[in-house]
Amino acid sequence: MKKSAFLGIGILIVMFFITTQAHPIQPDRFIDTILKRKRTGSCPKPGIGLCAELCGSGCPYGQLCCFNGCGHECMDAGL
């Protein structure tokens, strides 16, 4: 193989690792998206919380993106 082919393959491998580390796949979110499952439960009553948006990229399975009194964060879903 030519040097350029090895260089191209090397660049692809590096790009793969950079993108998977920066945006790891969240299996539960991926499954929910594929199956179009709706998460059930409700958010707890808001109290005093951080004024930040902490769940913009989704929440782990069993949690919902809830208002915390100032911003939003992932919280365990109540029944």
PDB file of N, CA and C in Angstrom:
ATOM      1  N   MET A   1       0.841  -1.188   0.000  1.00  0.00           N
ATOM      2  CA  MET A   1       0.000   0.000   0.000  1.00  0.00           C
ATOM      3  C   MET A   1       0.879   1.243   0.000  1.00  0.00           C
ATOM      4  N   LYS A   2       0.311   2.283  -0.526  1.00  0.00           N
ATOM      5  CA  LYS A   2       1.043   3.541  -0.570  1.00  0.00           C
ATOM      6  C   LYS A   2       0.946   4.257   0.772  1.00  0.00           C
ATOM      7  N   LYS A   3       1.886   5.188   0.992  1.00  0.00           N
ATOM      8  CA  LYS A   3       1.884   5.979   2.217  1.00  0.00           C
ATOM      9  C   LYS A   3       0.577   6.749   2.380  1.00  0.00           C
ATOM     10  N   SER A   4       0.050   7.248   1.285  1.00  0.00           N
ATOM     11  CA  SER A   4      -1.181   8.045   1.364  1.00  0.00           C
ATOM     12  C   SER A   4      -2.370   7.198   1.834  1.00  0.00           C
ATOM     13  N   ALA A   5      -2.390   5.922   1.472  1.00  0.00           N
ATOM     14  CA  ALA A   5      -3.473   5.036   1.919  1.00  0.00           C
ATOM     15  C   ALA A   5      -3.386   4.816   3.427  1.00  0.00           C
ATOM     16  N   PHE A   6      -2.168   4.583   3.941  1.00  0.00           N
ATOM     17  CA  PHE A   6      -1.991   4.417   5.385  1.00  0.00           C
ATOM     18  C   PHE A   6      -2.360   5.695   6.129  1.00  0.00           C
ATOM     19  N   LEU A   7      -1.977   6.831   5.575  1.00  0.00           N
ATOM     20  CA  LEU A   7      -2.300   8.112   6.190  1.00  0.00           C
ATOM     21  C   LEU A   7      -3.814   8.312   6.239  1.00  0.00           C
ATOM     22  N   GLY A   8      -4.485   7.999   5.148  1.00  0.00           N
ATOM     23  CA  GLY A   8      -5.942   8.138   5.100  1.00  0.00           C
ATOM     24  C   GLY A   8      -6.640   7.246   6.109  1.00  0.00           C
ATOM     25  N   ILE A   9      -6.193   6.003   6.219  1.00  0.00           N
ATOM     26  CA  ILE A   9      -6.774   5.075   7.192  1.00  0.00           C
ATOM     27  C   ILE A   9      -6.503   5.566   8.616  1.00  0.00           C
ATOM     28  N   GLY A  10      -5.307   6.055   8.849  1.00  0.00           N
ATOM     29  CA  GLY A  10      -4.957   6.585  10.173  1.00  0.00           C
ATOM     30  C   GLY A  10      -5.826   7.769  10.557  1.00  0.00           C
ATOM     31  N   ILE A  11      -6.058   8.660   9.611  1.00  0.00           N
ATOM     32  CA  ILE A  11      -6.910   9.827   9.872  1.00  0.00           C
ATOM     33  C   ILE A  11      -8.331   9.383  10.195  1.00  0.00           C
ATOM     34  N   LEU A  12      -8.850   8.413   9.464  1.00  0.00           N
ATOM     35  CA  LEU A  12     -10.200   7.906   9.735  1.00  0.00           C
ATOM     36  C   LEU A  12     -10.305   7.295  11.130  1.00  0.00           C
ATOM     37  N   ILE A  13      -9.295   6.551  11.533  1.00  0.00           N
ATOM     38  CA  ILE A  13      -9.302   5.941  12.862  1.00  0.00           C
ATOM     39  C   ILE A  13      -9.276   7.014  13.946  1.00  0.00           C
ATOM     40  N   VAL A  14      -8.424   8.004  13.788  1.00  0.00           N
ATOM     41  CA  VAL A  14      -8.348   9.096  14.764  1.00  0.00           C
ATOM     42  C   VAL A  14      -9.674   9.848  14.834  1.00  0.00           C
ATOM     43  N   MET A  15     -10.269  10.150  13.705  1.00  0.00           N
ATOM     44  CA  MET A  15     -11.559  10.859  13.678  1.00  0.00           C
ATOM     45  C   MET A  15     -12.643  10.033  14.370  1.00  0.00           C
ATOM     46  N   PHE A  16     -12.633   8.719  14.165  1.00  0.00           N
ATOM     47  CA  PHE A  16     -13.609   7.845  14.815  1.00  0.00           C
ATOM     48  C   PHE A  16     -13.496   7.954  16.332  1.00  0.00           C
ATOM     49  N   PHE A  17     -12.269   7.857  16.857  1.00  0.00           N
ATOM     50  CA  PHE A  17     -12.091   7.913  18.305  1.00  0.00           C
ATOM     51  C   PHE A  17     -12.414   9.287  18.869  1.00  0.00           C
ATOM     52  N   ILE A  18     -12.104  10.340  18.155  1.00  0.00           N
ATOM     53  CA  ILE A  18     -12.435  11.689  18.626  1.00  0.00           C
ATOM     54  C   ILE A  18     -13.941  11.865  18.718  1.00  0.00           C
ATOM     55  N   THR A  19     -14.662  11.468  17.693  1.00  0.00           N
ATOM     56  CA  THR A  19     -16.115  11.675  17.695  1.00  0.00           C
ATOM     57  C   THR A  19     -16.823  10.765  18.686  1.00  0.00           C
ATOM     58  N   THR A  20     -16.349   9.551  18.901  1.00  0.00           N
ATOM     59  CA  THR A  20     -17.029   8.674  19.858  1.00  0.00           C
ATOM     60  C   THR A  20     -16.746   9.087  21.289  1.00  0.00           C
ATOM     61  N   GLN A  21     -15.614   9.698  21.555  1.00  0.00           N
ATOM     62  CA  GLN A  21     -15.322  10.159  22.905  1.00  0.00           C
ATOM     63  C   GLN A  21     -16.043  11.468  23.208  1.00  0.00           C
ATOM     64  N   ALA A  22     -16.202  12.329  22.232  1.00  0.00           N
ATOM     65  CA  ALA A  22     -16.871  13.611  22.447  1.00  0.00           C
ATOM     66  C   ALA A  22     -18.374  13.436  22.585  1.00  0.00           C
ATOM     67  N   HIS A  23     -18.953  12.480  21.890  1.00  0.00           N
ATOM     68  CA  HIS A  23     -20.398  12.256  21.909  1.00  0.00           C
ATOM     69  C   HIS A  23     -20.689  10.767  22.036  1.00  0.00           C
ATOM     70  N   PRO A  24     -20.454  10.200  23.237  1.00  0.00           N
ATOM     71  CA  PRO A  24     -20.704   8.770  23.367  1.00  0.00           C
ATOM     72  C   PRO A  24     -22.183   8.445  23.189  1.00  0.00           C
ATOM     73  N   ILE A  25     -22.457   7.295  22.643  1.00  0.00           N
ATOM     74  CA  ILE A  25     -23.843   6.874  22.447  1.00  0.00           C
ATOM     75  C   ILE A  25     -24.426   6.485  23.795  1.00  0.00           C
ATOM     76  N   GLN A  26     -25.606   7.008  24.091  1.00  0.00           N
ATOM     77  CA  GLN A  26     -26.314   6.632  25.306  1.00  0.00           C
ATOM     78  C   GLN A  26     -27.281   5.523  24.921  1.00  0.00           C
ATOM     79  N   PRO A  27     -26.962   4.273  25.279  1.00  0.00           N
ATOM     80  CA  PRO A  27     -27.767   3.149  24.800  1.00  0.00           C
ATOM     81  C   PRO A  27     -29.255   3.273  25.113  1.00  0.00           C
ATOM     82  N   ASP A  28     -29.605   3.710  26.330  1.00  0.00           N
ATOM     83  CA  ASP A  28     -31.019   3.811  26.685  1.00  0.00           C
ATOM     84  C   ASP A  28     -31.731   4.846  25.831  1.00  0.00           C
ATOM     85  N   ARG A  29     -31.081   5.962  25.605  1.00  0.00           N
ATOM     86  CA  ARG A  29     -31.689   7.006  24.776  1.00  0.00           C
ATOM     87  C   ARG A  29     -31.817   6.524  23.333  1.00  0.00           C
ATOM     88  N   PHE A  30     -30.799   5.823  22.858  1.00  0.00           N
ATOM     89  CA  PHE A  30     -30.816   5.297  21.500  1.00  0.00           C
ATOM     90  C   PHE A  30     -31.972   4.317  21.326  1.00  0.00           C
ATOM     91  N   ILE A  31     -32.141   3.405  22.284  1.00  0.00           N
ATOM     92  CA  ILE A  31     -33.236   2.430  22.220  1.00  0.00           C
ATOM     93  C   ILE A  31     -34.584   3.132  22.274  1.00  0.00           C
ATOM     94  N   ASP A  32     -34.726   4.125  23.163  1.00  0.00           N
ATOM     95  CA  ASP A  32     -35.982   4.877  23.243  1.00  0.00           C
ATOM     96  C   ASP A  32     -36.300   5.538  21.915  1.00  0.00           C
ATOM     97  N   THR A  33     -35.292   6.088  21.266  1.00  0.00           N
ATOM     98  CA  THR A  33     -35.501   6.760  19.989  1.00  0.00           C
ATOM     99  C   THR A  33     -35.917   5.757  18.918  1.00  0.00           C
ATOM    100  N   ILE A  34     -35.236   4.629  18.863  1.00  0.00           N
ATOM    101  CA  ILE A  34     -35.539   3.618  17.854  1.00  0.00           C
ATOM    102  C   ILE A  34     -36.939   3.050  18.050  1.00  0.00           C
ATOM    103  N   LEU A  35     -37.274   2.733  19.287  1.00  0.00           N
ATOM    104  CA  LEU A  35     -38.571   2.120  19.569  1.00  0.00           C
ATOM    105  C   LEU A  35     -39.678   3.147  19.771  1.00  0.00           C
ATOM    106  N   LYS A  36     -39.318   4.432  19.754  1.00  0.00           N
ATOM    107  CA  LYS A  36     -40.281   5.519  19.974  1.00  0.00           C
ATOM    108  C   LYS A  36     -41.008   5.329  21.306  1.00  0.00           C
ATOM    109  N   ARG A  37     -40.278   4.818  22.296  1.00  0.00           N
ATOM    110  CA  ARG A  37     -40.864   4.622  23.617  1.00  0.00           C
ATOM    111  C   ARG A  37     -40.992   5.957  24.313  1.00  0.00           C
ATOM    112  N   LYS A  38     -42.083   6.122  25.006  1.00  0.00           N
ATOM    113  CA  LYS A  38     -42.287   7.335  25.780  1.00  0.00           C
ATOM    114  C   LYS A  38     -41.951   7.017  27.230  1.00  0.00           C
ATOM    115  N   ARG A  39     -41.216   7.881  27.845  1.00  0.00           N
ATOM    116  CA  ARG A  39     -40.871   7.666  29.243  1.00  0.00           C
ATOM    117  C   ARG A  39     -42.077   8.009  30.101  1.00  0.00           C
ATOM    118  N   THR A  40     -42.302   7.193  31.098  1.00  0.00           N
ATOM    119  CA  THR A  40     -43.458   7.405  31.956  1.00  0.00           C
ATOM    120  C   THR A  40     -43.027   7.960  33.298  1.00  0.00           C
ATOM    121  N   GLY A  41     -43.987   8.457  34.047  1.00  0.00           N
ATOM    122  CA  GLY A  41     -43.718   9.029  35.352  1.00  0.00           C
ATOM    123  C   GLY A  41     -43.852  10.536  35.300  1.00  0.00           C
ATOM    124  N   SER A  42     -43.569  11.159  36.412  1.00  0.00           N
ATOM    125  CA  SER A  42     -43.671  12.613  36.476  1.00  0.00           C
ATOM    126  C   SER A  42     -42.479  13.171  37.235  1.00  0.00           C
ATOM    127  N   CYS A  43     -42.237  14.434  37.026  1.00  0.00           N
ATOM    128  CA  CYS A  43     -41.132  15.110  37.692  1.00  0.00           C
ATOM    129  C   CYS A  43     -41.516  15.436  39.132  1.00  0.00           C
ATOM    130  N   PRO A  44     -40.532  15.422  40.037  1.00  0.00           N
ATOM    131  CA  PRO A  44     -40.825  15.834  41.406  1.00  0.00           C
ATOM    132  C   PRO A  44     -41.136  17.327  41.463  1.00  0.00           C
ATOM    133  N   LYS A  45     -41.735  17.745  42.561  1.00  0.00           N
ATOM    134  CA  LYS A  45     -42.075  19.156  42.750  1.00  0.00           C
ATOM    135  C   LYS A  45     -40.782  19.976  42.758  1.00  0.00           C
ATOM    136  N   PRO A  46     -40.749  21.083  41.986  1.00  0.00           N
ATOM    137  CA  PRO A  46     -39.518  21.880  41.928  1.00  0.00           C
ATOM    138  C   PRO A  46     -39.182  22.501  43.278  1.00  0.00           C
ATOM    139  N   GLY A  47     -37.915  22.607  43.535  1.00  0.00           N
ATOM    140  CA  GLY A  47     -37.430  23.252  44.749  1.00  0.00           C
ATOM    141  C   GLY A  47     -36.353  24.250  44.361  1.00  0.00           C
ATOM    142  N   ILE A  48     -35.308  24.300  45.136  1.00  0.00           N
ATOM    143  CA  ILE A  48     -34.179  25.178  44.824  1.00  0.00           C
ATOM    144  C   ILE A  48     -33.169  24.350  44.032  1.00  0.00           C
ATOM    145  N   GLY A  49     -32.799  24.835  42.872  1.00  0.00           N
ATOM    146  CA  GLY A  49     -31.867  24.094  42.031  1.00  0.00           C
ATOM    147  C   GLY A  49     -30.897  25.017  41.328  1.00  0.00           C
ATOM    148  N   LEU A  50     -29.972  24.424  40.614  1.00  0.00           N
ATOM    149  CA  LEU A  50     -28.999  25.193  39.845  1.00  0.00           C
ATOM    150  C   LEU A  50     -29.673  25.879  38.664  1.00  0.00           C
ATOM    151  N   CYS A  51     -29.264  27.080  38.378  1.00  0.00           N
ATOM    152  CA  CYS A  51     -29.791  27.817  37.226  1.00  0.00           C
ATOM    153  C   CYS A  51     -28.969  27.442  35.994  1.00  0.00           C
ATOM    154  N   ALA A  52     -29.128  26.210  35.575  1.00  0.00           N
ATOM    155  CA  ALA A  52     -28.386  25.699  34.426  1.00  0.00           C
ATOM    156  C   ALA A  52     -29.248  24.685  33.693  1.00  0.00           C
ATOM    157  N   GLU A  53     -28.986  24.545  32.410  1.00  0.00           N
ATOM    158  CA  GLU A  53     -29.682  23.549  31.593  1.00  0.00           C
ATOM    159  C   GLU A  53     -28.770  22.328  31.510  1.00  0.00           C
ATOM    160  N   LEU A  54     -29.038  21.321  32.338  1.00  0.00           N
ATOM    161  CA  LEU A  54     -28.131  20.183  32.478  1.00  0.00           C
ATOM    162  C   LEU A  54     -28.568  18.928  31.735  1.00  0.00           C
ATOM    163  N   CYS A  55     -29.701  18.962  31.051  1.00  0.00           N
ATOM    164  CA  CYS A  55     -30.140  17.740  30.363  1.00  0.00           C
ATOM    165  C   CYS A  55     -30.469  18.004  28.901  1.00  0.00           C
ATOM    166  N   GLY A  56     -29.727  18.884  28.278  1.00  0.00           N
ATOM    167  CA  GLY A  56     -29.965  19.199  26.878  1.00  0.00           C
ATOM    168  C   GLY A  56     -29.708  18.030  25.942  1.00  0.00           C
ATOM    169  N   SER A  57     -28.839  17.100  26.337  1.00  0.00           N
ATOM    170  CA  SER A  57     -28.529  15.976  25.453  1.00  0.00           C
ATOM    171  C   SER A  57     -29.300  14.716  25.817  1.00  0.00           C
ATOM    172  N   GLY A  58     -30.274  14.826  26.697  1.00  0.00           N
ATOM    173  CA  GLY A  58     -31.076  13.667  27.079  1.00  0.00           C
ATOM    174  C   GLY A  58     -30.702  13.160  28.456  1.00  0.00           C
ATOM    175  N   CYS A  59     -31.537  12.310  28.996  1.00  0.00           N
ATOM    176  CA  CYS A  59     -31.335  11.758  30.333  1.00  0.00           C
ATOM    177  C   CYS A  59     -31.231  10.241  30.262  1.00  0.00           C
ATOM    178  N   PRO A  60     -30.558   9.641  31.246  1.00  0.00           N
ATOM    179  CA  PRO A  60     -30.492   8.185  31.298  1.00  0.00           C
ATOM    180  C   PRO A  60     -31.887   7.586  31.464  1.00  0.00           C
ATOM    181  N   TYR A  61     -32.016   6.309  31.115  1.00  0.00           N
ATOM    182  CA  TYR A  61     -33.309   5.642  31.219  1.00  0.00           C
ATOM    183  C   TYR A  61     -33.794   5.677  32.665  1.00  0.00           C
ATOM    184  N   GLY A  62     -35.070   5.954  32.849  1.00  0.00           N
ATOM    185  CA  GLY A  62     -35.660   6.025  34.185  1.00  0.00           C
ATOM    186  C   GLY A  62     -35.641   7.427  34.750  1.00  0.00           C
ATOM    187  N   GLN A  63     -35.051   8.373  34.025  1.00  0.00           N
ATOM    188  CA  GLN A  63     -35.021   9.757  34.468  1.00  0.00           C
ATOM    189  C   GLN A  63     -35.687  10.640  33.427  1.00  0.00           C
ATOM    190  N   LEU A  64     -36.169  11.784  33.904  1.00  0.00           N
ATOM    191  CA  LEU A  64     -36.798  12.766  33.029  1.00  0.00           C
ATOM    192  C   LEU A  64     -36.061  14.087  33.157  1.00  0.00           C
ATOM    193  N   CYS A  65     -36.159  14.922  32.146  1.00  0.00           N
ATOM    194  CA  CYS A  65     -35.603  16.265  32.200  1.00  0.00           C
ATOM    195  C   CYS A  65     -36.642  17.136  32.895  1.00  0.00           C
ATOM    196  N   CYS A  66     -36.342  17.573  34.111  1.00  0.00           N
ATOM    197  CA  CYS A  66     -37.324  18.265  34.949  1.00  0.00           C
ATOM    198  C   CYS A  66     -36.855  19.665  35.328  1.00  0.00           C
ATOM    199  N   PHE A  67     -37.826  20.555  35.537  1.00  0.00           N
ATOM    200  CA  PHE A  67     -37.572  21.906  36.037  1.00  0.00           C
ATOM    201  C   PHE A  67     -37.203  21.789  37.508  1.00  0.00           C
ATOM    202  N   ASN A  68     -36.098  22.410  37.913  1.00  0.00           N
ATOM    203  CA  ASN A  68     -35.635  22.288  39.295  1.00  0.00           C
ATOM    204  C   ASN A  68     -35.848  23.552  40.124  1.00  0.00           C
ATOM    205  N   GLY A  69     -36.604  24.491  39.609  1.00  0.00           N
ATOM    206  CA  GLY A  69     -36.840  25.747  40.307  1.00  0.00           C
ATOM    207  C   GLY A  69     -36.158  26.913  39.616  1.00  0.00           C
ATOM    208  N   CYS A  70     -35.173  26.616  38.796  1.00  0.00           N
ATOM    209  CA  CYS A  70     -34.473  27.668  38.057  1.00  0.00           C
ATOM    210  C   CYS A  70     -34.042  27.193  36.675  1.00  0.00           C
ATOM    211  N   GLY A  71     -33.523  25.986  36.578  1.00  0.00           N
ATOM    212  CA  GLY A  71     -33.082  25.404  35.305  1.00  0.00           C
ATOM    213  C   GLY A  71     -33.702  24.026  35.129  1.00  0.00           C
ATOM    214  N   HIS A  72     -33.068  23.191  34.359  1.00  0.00           N
ATOM    215  CA  HIS A  72     -33.547  21.824  34.127  1.00  0.00           C
ATOM    216  C   HIS A  72     -32.416  20.838  34.381  1.00  0.00           C
ATOM    217  N   GLU A  73     -32.763  19.693  34.975  1.00  0.00           N
ATOM    218  CA  GLU A  73     -31.783  18.637  35.210  1.00  0.00           C
ATOM    219  C   GLU A  73     -32.464  17.280  35.156  1.00  0.00           C
ATOM    220  N   CYS A  74     -31.678  16.230  34.962  1.00  0.00           N
ATOM    221  CA  CYS A  74     -32.211  14.866  34.938  1.00  0.00           C
ATOM    222  C   CYS A  74     -32.540  14.442  36.363  1.00  0.00           C
ATOM    223  N   MET A  75     -33.767  13.964  36.545  1.00  0.00           N
ATOM    224  CA  MET A  75     -34.213  13.509  37.865  1.00  0.00           C
ATOM    225  C   MET A  75     -34.932  12.181  37.712  1.00  0.00           C
ATOM    226  N   ASP A  76     -34.922  11.400  38.798  1.00  0.00           N
ATOM    227  CA  ASP A  76     -35.656  10.136  38.794  1.00  0.00           C
ATOM    228  C   ASP A  76     -37.136  10.414  38.618  1.00  0.00           C
ATOM    229  N   ALA A  77     -37.767   9.650  37.736  1.00  0.00           N
ATOM    230  CA  ALA A  77     -39.194   9.828  37.471  1.00  0.00           C
ATOM    231  C   ALA A  77     -40.009   9.231  38.608  1.00  0.00           C
ATOM    232  N   GLY A  78     -40.978  10.003  39.077  1.00  0.00           N
ATOM    233  CA  GLY A  78     -41.912   9.496  40.085  1.00  0.00           C
ATOM    234  C   GLY A  78     -43.068   8.813  39.390  1.00  0.00           C
ATOM    235  N   LEU A  79     -43.772   7.977  40.104  1.00  0.00           N
ATOM    236  CA  LEU A  79     -44.903   7.266  39.507  1.00  0.00           C
ATOM    237  C   LEU A  79     -46.154   8.004  39.681  1.00  0.00           C
TER     238      LEU A  79
END
